[in-house]
C-alpha atoms as a PDB file:
ATOM      1  CA  UNK A   1      25.461 -91.179-170.819  1.00  0.00           C
ATOM      2  CA  UNK A   2      25.710 -87.465-171.444  1.00  0.00           C
ATOM      3  CA  UNK A   3      22.213 -86.932-170.026  1.00  0.00           C
ATOM      4  CA  UNK A   4      23.461 -88.001-166.573  1.00  0.00           C
ATOM      5  CA  UNK A   5      25.911 -85.097-166.309  1.00  0.00           C
ATOM      6  CA  UNK A   6      24.762 -82.696-163.614  1.00  0.00           C
ATOM      7  CA  UNK A   7      24.594 -79.005-164.432  1.00  0.00           C
ATOM      8  CA  UNK A   8      23.648 -75.966-162.409  1.00  0.00           C
ATOM      9  CA  UNK A   9      23.922 -74.940-158.788  1.00  0.00           C
ATOM     10  CA  UNK A  10      25.051 -77.481-156.161  1.00  0.00           C
ATOM     11  CA  UNK A  11      21.611 -77.685-154.517  1.00  0.00           C
ATOM     12  CA  UNK A  12      19.899 -78.230-157.837  1.00  0.00           C
ATOM     13  CA  UNK A  13      22.527 -80.774-158.828  1.00  0.00           C
ATOM     14  CA  UNK A  14      22.094 -82.660-155.571  1.00  0.00           C
ATOM     15  CA  UNK A  15      18.347 -82.874-156.084  1.00  0.00           C
ATOM     16  CA  UNK A  16      18.811 -83.954-159.674  1.00  0.00           C
ATOM     17  CA  UNK A  17      21.339 -86.615-158.681  1.00  0.00           C
ATOM     18  CA  UNK A  18      18.711 -88.297-156.525  1.00  0.00           C
ATOM     19  CA  UNK A  19      16.351 -88.533-159.477  1.00  0.00           C
ATOM     20  CA  UNK A  20      18.981 -89.935-161.845  1.00  0.00           C
ATOM     21  CA  UNK A  21      20.224 -92.729-159.589  1.00  0.00           C
ATOM     22  CA  UNK A  22      17.499 -95.229-160.487  1.00  0.00           C
ATOM     23  CA  UNK A  23      17.725 -94.829-164.284  1.00  0.00           C
ATOM     24  CA  UNK A  24      21.513 -94.958-164.145  1.00  0.00           C
ATOM     25  CA  UNK A  25      21.468 -98.104-161.979  1.00  0.00           C
ATOM     26  CA  UNK A  26      18.980 -99.754-164.335  1.00  0.00           C
ATOM     27  CA  UNK A  27      21.154 -98.904-167.323  1.00  0.00           C
ATOM     28  CA  UNK A  28      24.243-100.289-165.574  1.00  0.00           C
ATOM     29  CA  UNK A  29      22.432-103.538-164.752  1.00  0.00           C
ATOM     30  CA  UNK A  30      21.217-103.845-168.349  1.00  0.00           C
ATOM     31  CA  UNK A  31      24.702-103.118-169.709  1.00  0.00           C
ATOM     32  CA  UNK A  32      26.422-105.668-167.468  1.00  0.00           C
ATOM     33  CA  UNK A  33      23.862-108.485-167.204  1.00  0.00           C
ATOM     34  CA  UNK A  34      21.530-108.347-170.238  1.00  0.00           C
ATOM     35  CA  UNK A  35      23.411-106.908-173.212  1.00  0.00           C
ATOM     36  CA  UNK A  36      25.719-109.250-175.111  1.00  0.00           C
ATOM     37  CA  UNK A  37      28.879-107.383-176.094  1.00  0.00           C
ATOM     38  CA  UNK A  38      30.345-107.939-179.548  1.00  0.00           C
ATOM     39  CA  UNK A  39      33.965-108.301-178.481  1.00  0.00           C
ATOM     40  CA  UNK A  40      33.253-110.561-175.501  1.00  0.00           C
ATOM     41  CA  UNK A  41      30.484-112.590-177.173  1.00  0.00           C
ATOM     42  CA  UNK A  42      28.838-112.588-173.721  1.00  0.00           C
ATOM     43  CA  UNK A  43      27.846-110.114-171.036  1.00  0.00           C
ATOM     44  CA  UNK A  44      30.527-108.505-168.842  1.00  0.00           C
ATOM     45  CA  UNK A  45      28.987-110.190-165.782  1.00  0.00           C
ATOM     46  CA  UNK A  46      29.362-113.590-167.429  1.00  0.00           C
ATOM     47  CA  UNK A  47      32.939-112.792-168.451  1.00  0.00           C
ATOM     48  CA  UNK A  48      33.779-111.778-164.868  1.00  0.00           C
ATOM     49  CA  UNK A  49      32.190-114.929-163.470  1.00  0.00           C
ATOM     50  CA  UNK A  50      29.462-113.077-161.563  1.00  0.00           C
ATOM     51  CA  UNK A  51      26.697-115.049-163.272  1.00  0.00           C
ATOM     52  CA  UNK A  52      26.586-118.108-165.473  1.00  0.00           C
ATOM     53  CA  UNK A  53      23.469-117.251-167.480  1.00  0.00           C
ATOM     54  CA  UNK A  54      22.166-114.500-169.711  1.00  0.00           C
ATOM     55  CA  UNK A  55      19.642-112.358-167.858  1.00  0.00           C
ATOM     56  CA  UNK A  56      16.488-110.929-169.414  1.00  0.00           C
ATOM     57  CA  UNK A  57      14.795-107.636-168.616  1.00  0.00           C
ATOM     58  CA  UNK A  58      12.101-109.688-166.889  1.00  0.00           C
ATOM     59  CA  UNK A  59      14.730-110.876-164.400  1.00  0.00           C
ATOM     60  CA  UNK A  60      15.745-107.292-163.613  1.00  0.00           C
ATOM     61  CA  UNK A  61      12.129-106.215-163.087  1.00  0.00           C
ATOM     62  CA  UNK A  62      11.474-109.167-160.754  1.00  0.00           C
ATOM     63  CA  UNK A  63      14.612-108.360-158.760  1.00  0.00           C
ATOM     64  CA  UNK A  64      13.591-104.700-158.419  1.00  0.00           C
ATOM     65  CA  UNK A  65      10.046-105.613-157.355  1.00  0.00           C
ATOM     66  CA  UNK A  66      11.383-108.012-154.710  1.00  0.00           C
ATOM     67  CA  UNK A  67      13.731-105.302-153.410  1.00  0.00           C
ATOM     68  CA  UNK A  68      10.920-102.736-153.213  1.00  0.00           C
ATOM     69  CA  UNK A  69       8.706-105.217-151.380  1.00  0.00           C
ATOM     70  CA  UNK A  70      11.446-105.915-148.838  1.00  0.00           C
ATOM     71  CA  UNK A  71      11.945-102.165-148.306  1.00  0.00           C
ATOM     72  CA  UNK A  72       8.230-101.682-147.646  1.00  0.00           C
ATOM     73  CA  UNK A  73       8.214-104.532-145.115  1.00  0.00           C
ATOM     74  CA  UNK A  74      11.248-103.081-143.339  1.00  0.00           C
ATOM     75  CA  UNK A  75       9.641 -99.633-143.004  1.00  0.00           C
END
């Protein structure tokens, strides 16, 4: 997570923050929906009751592609 820390001038940091949003969001989705945690023996999303199944990376990619397609249609 250290690589997401923003350094430098405010303008440079603002520009950099835009480019780190997508990788950070993907990592958060992977961490909460795909990765099984040792202490929980399930994903945090399953423990919180958000989902009842274990997601795969394929599911995340399909969700992102559907979102991008809907954004293109809206524009």
